[in-house]
Amino acid sequence: MRIEVVEKNCKASEKLLAVVNKKVTRLEKYFDEDALCSVYLKSENRLCKTEVTILYKGNMVRAEVTGKNFYDNIDNVLPKLEKQIYKHKGKLESKLKQGAFIDKQLFFKGSVEESGSAPVKVKTFDLTPMTVEEAIEQLDLLGHSFYIFQDAETGEVRVVYLRGNGDVGLLIPKKH
């Protein structure tokens, strides 16, 4: 597994980089060499945010933690990742390293209910043509974390969503 560390608004010490590499490397139990693990270290308003994203065979596992320092964050984010891996064990097992689930968990203790054939709730709705500003208004009025709408100018489907820092984001799908 390749590990890359990206720093934003901060500079990681050699000691921190060594700790991150040592702890994240333990996840190699689950992933082959072709997996890419990106560790994002961000400093935001006196808080430290750590995001770990693992890309492997067309799939992705991601977790993030915000805390007072990066050392505690790495200790808290890895159990979240491992819990996700175990939760989706049935779907992932054929794509992860052979025998990955034979030994005990590395970071979290406890049981996880595997996600399997849980029923999917289907909801249909009409797309209303509107501007981004109107969609943001609807997002606020409904109190949801996202809102899907049809862009009045382009006719394309768009999504506005609440970001972790309280700002609003806009998703624009790209056709292949």
C-alpha atoms as a PDB file:
ATOM      1  CA  MET A   1       0.000   0.000   0.000  1.00  0.00           C
ATOM      2  CA  ARG A   2       1.352   3.381  -0.971  1.00  0.00           C
ATOM      3  CA  ILE A   3       0.923   6.143   1.593  1.00  0.00           C
ATOM      4  CA  GLU A   4       0.927   9.830   0.741  1.00  0.00           C
ATOM      5  CA  VAL A   5       0.610  12.610   3.285  1.00  0.00           C
ATOM      6  CA  VAL A   6      -0.818  15.961   2.211  1.00  0.00           C
ATOM      7  CA  GLU A   7      -0.487  18.972   4.499  1.00  0.00           C
ATOM      8  CA  LYS A   8      -2.786  21.976   4.314  1.00  0.00           C
ATOM      9  CA  ASN A   9      -2.257  25.075   6.472  1.00  0.00           C
ATOM     10  CA  CYS A  10       0.259  23.148   8.555  1.00  0.00           C
ATOM     11  CA  LYS A  11       3.697  21.553   8.397  1.00  0.00           C
ATOM     12  CA  ALA A  12       3.976  18.036   9.795  1.00  0.00           C
ATOM     13  CA  SER A  13       7.086  17.249  11.805  1.00  0.00           C
ATOM     14  CA  GLU A  14       9.267  14.264  10.936  1.00  0.00           C
ATOM     15  CA  LYS A  15       8.045  12.612  14.130  1.00  0.00           C
ATOM     16  CA  LEU A  16       4.394  13.043  13.117  1.00  0.00           C
ATOM     17  CA  LEU A  17       5.075  11.705   9.617  1.00  0.00           C
ATOM     18  CA  ALA A  18       6.825   8.676  11.126  1.00  0.00           C
ATOM     19  CA  VAL A  19       3.877   8.011  13.470  1.00  0.00           C
ATOM     20  CA  VAL A  20       1.352   8.377  10.633  1.00  0.00           C
ATOM     21  CA  ASN A  21       3.321   6.010   8.387  1.00  0.00           C
ATOM     22  CA  LYS A  22       3.853   3.459  11.157  1.00  0.00           C
ATOM     23  CA  LYS A  23       0.193   3.354  12.171  1.00  0.00           C
ATOM     24  CA  VAL A  24      -1.348   3.534   8.701  1.00  0.00           C
ATOM     25  CA  THR A  25       1.020   0.823   7.454  1.00  0.00           C
ATOM     26  CA  ARG A  26      -0.749  -1.599   9.795  1.00  0.00           C
ATOM     27  CA  LEU A  27      -3.767  -1.389   7.453  1.00  0.00           C
ATOM     28  CA  GLU A  28      -1.705  -3.285   4.867  1.00  0.00           C
ATOM     29  CA  LYS A  29      -3.278  -6.326   6.496  1.00  0.00           C
ATOM     30  CA  TYR A  30      -6.377  -5.528   4.419  1.00  0.00           C
ATOM     31  CA  PHE A  31      -4.997  -4.061   1.202  1.00  0.00           C
ATOM     32  CA  ASP A  32      -2.633  -5.102  -1.591  1.00  0.00           C
ATOM     33  CA  GLU A  33       0.366  -3.089  -2.747  1.00  0.00           C
ATOM     34  CA  ASP A  34      -1.663  -1.291  -5.432  1.00  0.00           C
ATOM     35  CA  ALA A  35      -3.883   0.452  -2.841  1.00  0.00           C
ATOM     36  CA  LEU A  36      -3.299   4.178  -2.326  1.00  0.00           C
ATOM     37  CA  CYS A  37      -3.771   5.713   1.104  1.00  0.00           C
ATOM     38  CA  SER A  38      -4.000   9.495   1.248  1.00  0.00           C
ATOM     39  CA  VAL A  39      -3.674  11.120   4.660  1.00  0.00           C
ATOM     40  CA  TYR A  40      -4.743  14.770   4.703  1.00  0.00           C
ATOM     41  CA  LEU A  41      -3.566  16.846   7.634  1.00  0.00           C
ATOM     42  CA  LYS A  42      -5.370  20.187   7.790  1.00  0.00           C
ATOM     43  CA  SER A  43      -5.236  22.960  10.333  1.00  0.00           C
ATOM     44  CA  GLU A  44      -8.562  24.824  10.568  1.00  0.00           C
ATOM     45  CA  ASN A  45      -9.383  27.466  13.185  1.00  0.00           C
ATOM     46  CA  ARG A  46      -7.095  26.073  15.901  1.00  0.00           C
ATOM     47  CA  LEU A  47      -8.373  22.568  15.224  1.00  0.00           C
ATOM     48  CA  CYS A  48      -6.561  19.762  13.477  1.00  0.00           C
ATOM     49  CA  LYS A  49      -8.479  17.755  10.911  1.00  0.00           C
ATOM     50  CA  THR A  50      -7.231  14.375   9.719  1.00  0.00           C
ATOM     51  CA  GLU A  51      -8.799  12.625   6.727  1.00  0.00           C
ATOM     52  CA  VAL A  52      -7.701   9.188   5.556  1.00  0.00           C
ATOM     53  CA  THR A  53      -8.872   7.931   2.172  1.00  0.00           C
ATOM     54  CA  ILE A  54      -7.904   4.529   0.792  1.00  0.00           C
ATOM     55  CA  LEU A  55      -8.444   3.859  -2.914  1.00  0.00           C
ATOM     56  CA  TYR A  56      -8.265   0.217  -3.984  1.00  0.00           C
ATOM     57  CA  LYS A  57      -9.561  -1.689  -6.981  1.00  0.00           C
ATOM     58  CA  GLY A  58     -12.103   0.992  -7.888  1.00  0.00           C
ATOM     59  CA  ASN A  59     -13.405   1.313  -4.324  1.00  0.00           C
ATOM     60  CA  MET A  60     -12.851   3.840  -1.571  1.00  0.00           C
ATOM     61  CA  VAL A  61     -12.902   3.811   2.218  1.00  0.00           C
ATOM     62  CA  ARG A  62     -12.731   7.172   3.978  1.00  0.00           C
ATOM     63  CA  ALA A  63     -12.891   8.561   7.492  1.00  0.00           C
ATOM     64  CA  GLU A  64     -12.138  11.899   9.081  1.00  0.00           C
ATOM     65  CA  VAL A  65     -11.614  13.204  12.589  1.00  0.00           C
ATOM     66  CA  THR A  66     -11.218  16.708  13.994  1.00  0.00           C
ATOM     67  CA  GLY A  67      -9.410  17.280  17.264  1.00  0.00           C
ATOM     68  CA  LYS A  68      -6.813  19.292  19.107  1.00  0.00           C
ATOM     69  CA  ASN A  69      -3.773  17.508  17.661  1.00  0.00           C
ATOM     70  CA  PHE A  70      -2.828  15.198  14.803  1.00  0.00           C
ATOM     71  CA  TYR A  71      -1.410  12.475  17.067  1.00  0.00           C
ATOM     72  CA  ASP A  72      -4.755  11.865  18.751  1.00  0.00           C
ATOM     73  CA  ASN A  73      -6.540  12.223  15.418  1.00  0.00           C
ATOM     74  CA  ILE A  74      -4.590   9.392  13.799  1.00  0.00           C
ATOM     75  CA  ASP A  75      -5.395   7.201  16.789  1.00  0.00           C
ATOM     76  CA  ASN A  76      -9.090   8.030  16.387  1.00  0.00           C
ATOM     77  CA  VAL A  77      -9.433   7.862  12.605  1.00  0.00           C
ATOM     78  CA  LEU A  78      -7.930   4.394  12.121  1.00  0.00           C
ATOM     79  CA  PRO A  79     -10.569   2.615  14.232  1.00  0.00           C
ATOM     80  CA  LYS A  80     -13.242   4.392  12.178  1.00  0.00           C
ATOM     81  CA  LEU A  81     -11.685   3.099   8.960  1.00  0.00           C
ATOM     82  CA  GLU A  82     -11.357  -0.418  10.259  1.00  0.00           C
ATOM     83  CA  LYS A  83     -14.947  -0.368  11.491  1.00  0.00           C
ATOM     84  CA  GLN A  84     -16.078   0.588   7.971  1.00  0.00           C
ATOM     85  CA  ILE A  85     -14.032  -2.233   6.499  1.00  0.00           C
ATOM     86  CA  TYR A  86     -15.654  -4.746   8.858  1.00  0.00           C
ATOM     87  CA  LYS A  87     -19.114  -3.281   8.357  1.00  0.00           C
ATOM     88  CA  HIS A  88     -18.839  -3.864   4.615  1.00  0.00           C
ATOM     89  CA  LYS A  89     -16.859  -7.086   4.977  1.00  0.00           C
ATOM     90  CA  GLY A  90     -19.231  -9.130   2.818  1.00  0.00           C
ATOM     91  CA  LYS A  91     -18.966  -6.723  -0.101  1.00  0.00           C
ATOM     92  CA  LEU A  92     -15.249  -6.064   0.250  1.00  0.00           C
ATOM     93  CA  GLU A  93     -13.797  -9.450   1.114  1.00  0.00           C
ATOM     94  CA  SER A  94     -13.162 -10.484  -2.491  1.00  0.00           C
ATOM     95  CA  LYS A  95     -11.371  -7.186  -3.188  1.00  0.00           C
ATOM     96  CA  LEU A  96      -9.232  -7.056  -0.068  1.00  0.00           C
ATOM     97  CA  LYS A  97      -6.072  -8.979   0.707  1.00  0.00           C
ATOM     98  CA  GLN A  98      -6.522 -12.744   1.009  1.00  0.00           C
ATOM     99  CA  GLY A  99      -7.107 -13.725   4.652  1.00  0.00           C
ATOM    100  CA  ALA A 100      -7.533 -10.124   5.822  1.00  0.00           C
ATOM    101  CA  PHE A 101     -10.276 -11.035   8.286  1.00  0.00           C
ATOM    102  CA  ILE A 102      -8.621 -14.094   9.853  1.00  0.00           C
ATOM    103  CA  ASP A 103      -6.889 -12.234  12.684  1.00  0.00           C
ATOM    104  CA  LYS A 104      -8.531  -9.883  15.153  1.00  0.00           C
ATOM    105  CA  GLN A 105      -9.178  -6.226  14.422  1.00  0.00           C
ATOM    106  CA  LEU A 106      -6.193  -3.920  14.743  1.00  0.00           C
ATOM    107  CA  PHE A 107      -7.705  -0.682  16.002  1.00  0.00           C
ATOM    108  CA  PHE A 108     -11.281  -1.047  17.207  1.00  0.00           C
ATOM    109  CA  LYS A 109     -12.747  -3.606  19.559  1.00  0.00           C
ATOM    110  CA  GLY A 110     -16.291  -4.799  19.367  1.00  0.00           C
ATOM    111  CA  SER A 111     -18.695  -6.195  16.880  1.00  0.00           C
ATOM    112  CA  VAL A 112     -19.974  -4.587  13.753  1.00  0.00           C
ATOM    113  CA  GLU A 113     -23.196  -5.391  12.041  1.00  0.00           C
ATOM    114  CA  GLU A 114     -22.321  -6.240   8.454  1.00  0.00           C
ATOM    115  CA  SER A 115     -24.165  -4.301   5.841  1.00  0.00           C
ATOM    116  CA  GLY A 116     -25.782  -6.754   3.557  1.00  0.00           C
ATOM    117  CA  SER A 117     -29.068  -6.810   1.804  1.00  0.00           C
ATOM    118  CA  ALA A 118     -30.641  -4.030   3.816  1.00  0.00           C
ATOM    119  CA  PRO A 119     -33.694  -2.592   2.091  1.00  0.00           C
ATOM    120  CA  VAL A 120     -33.079   0.544   0.102  1.00  0.00           C
ATOM    121  CA  LYS A 121     -35.587   3.323   0.592  1.00  0.00           C
ATOM    122  CA  VAL A 122     -36.591   4.790  -2.742  1.00  0.00           C
ATOM    123  CA  LYS A 123     -37.883   8.323  -2.885  1.00  0.00           C
ATOM    124  CA  THR A 124     -39.067  10.094  -6.011  1.00  0.00           C
ATOM    125  CA  PHE A 125     -39.550  13.817  -6.426  1.00  0.00           C
ATOM    126  CA  ASP A 126     -39.913  16.428  -9.119  1.00  0.00           C
ATOM    127  CA  LEU A 127     -36.855  18.463 -10.026  1.00  0.00           C
ATOM    128  CA  THR A 128     -37.671  22.140  -9.933  1.00  0.00           C
ATOM    129  CA  PRO A 129     -35.724  24.538 -12.160  1.00  0.00           C
ATOM    130  CA  MET A 130     -34.101  27.189  -9.960  1.00  0.00           C
ATOM    131  CA  THR A 131     -30.942  29.170  -9.397  1.00  0.00           C
ATOM    132  CA  VAL A 132     -28.216  28.087  -7.000  1.00  0.00           C
ATOM    133  CA  GLU A 133     -29.272  30.844  -4.604  1.00  0.00           C
ATOM    134  CA  GLU A 134     -32.872  29.565  -4.599  1.00  0.00           C
ATOM    135  CA  ALA A 135     -31.641  26.020  -3.980  1.00  0.00           C
ATOM    136  CA  ILE A 136     -29.590  27.218  -0.999  1.00  0.00           C
ATOM    137  CA  GLU A 137     -32.718  28.917   0.331  1.00  0.00           C
ATOM    138  CA  GLN A 138     -34.642  25.639  -0.001  1.00  0.00           C
ATOM    139  CA  LEU A 139     -31.794  23.799   1.746  1.00  0.00           C
ATOM    140  CA  ASP A 140     -32.088  26.215   4.684  1.00  0.00           C
ATOM    141  CA  LEU A 141     -35.871  26.055   4.773  1.00  0.00           C
ATOM    142  CA  LEU A 142     -35.985  22.257   4.754  1.00  0.00           C
ATOM    143  CA  GLY A 143     -33.179  21.804   7.264  1.00  0.00           C
ATOM    144  CA  HIS A 144     -31.624  18.998   5.213  1.00  0.00           C
ATOM    145  CA  SER A 145     -27.920  18.423   4.629  1.00  0.00           C
ATOM    146  CA  PHE A 146     -28.348  18.452   0.825  1.00  0.00           C
ATOM    147  CA  TYR A 147     -30.827  19.557  -1.830  1.00  0.00           C
ATOM    148  CA  ILE A 148     -31.120  18.301  -5.425  1.00  0.00           C
ATOM    149  CA  PHE A 149     -32.422  20.680  -8.077  1.00  0.00           C
ATOM    150  CA  GLN A 150     -32.431  21.447 -11.787  1.00  0.00           C
ATOM    151  CA  ASP A 151     -30.250  24.421 -12.732  1.00  0.00           C
ATOM    152  CA  ALA A 152     -32.567  26.985 -14.352  1.00  0.00           C
ATOM    153  CA  GLU A 153     -29.804  28.179 -16.706  1.00  0.00           C
ATOM    154  CA  THR A 154     -28.429  24.860 -17.932  1.00  0.00           C
ATOM    155  CA  GLY A 155     -31.215  22.373 -17.228  1.00  0.00           C
ATOM    156  CA  GLU A 156     -28.619  20.096 -15.565  1.00  0.00           C
ATOM    157  CA  VAL A 157     -29.063  18.348 -12.212  1.00  0.00           C
ATOM    158  CA  ARG A 158     -27.136  19.973  -9.342  1.00  0.00           C
ATOM    159  CA  VAL A 159     -26.780  19.338  -5.614  1.00  0.00           C
ATOM    160  CA  VAL A 160     -26.146  21.910  -2.900  1.00  0.00           C
ATOM    161  CA  TYR A 161     -24.964  20.532   0.424  1.00  0.00           C
ATOM    162  CA  LEU A 162     -23.820  21.617   3.858  1.00  0.00           C
ATOM    163  CA  ARG A 163     -20.090  21.225   4.397  1.00  0.00           C
ATOM    164  CA  GLY A 164     -18.556  20.265   7.714  1.00  0.00           C
ATOM    165  CA  ASN A 165     -17.412  23.842   8.368  1.00  0.00           C
ATOM    166  CA  GLY A 166     -20.956  25.233   7.876  1.00  0.00           C
ATOM    167  CA  ASP A 167     -20.391  26.545   4.348  1.00  0.00           C
ATOM    168  CA  VAL A 168     -22.506  25.395   1.405  1.00  0.00           C
ATOM    169  CA  GLY A 169     -21.018  23.343  -1.433  1.00  0.00           C
ATOM    170  CA  LEU A 170     -22.269  22.765  -4.975  1.00  0.00           C
ATOM    171  CA  LEU A 171     -21.919  19.412  -6.742  1.00  0.00           C
ATOM    172  CA  ILE A 172     -21.931  19.420 -10.529  1.00  0.00           C
ATOM    173  CA  PRO A 173     -22.087  15.912 -12.067  1.00  0.00           C
ATOM    174  CA  LYS A 174     -19.739  15.300 -14.965  1.00  0.00           C
ATOM    175  CA  LYS A 175     -20.803  12.996 -17.788  1.00  0.00           C
ATOM    176  CA  HIS A 176     -18.329  10.488 -19.192  1.00  0.00           C
END
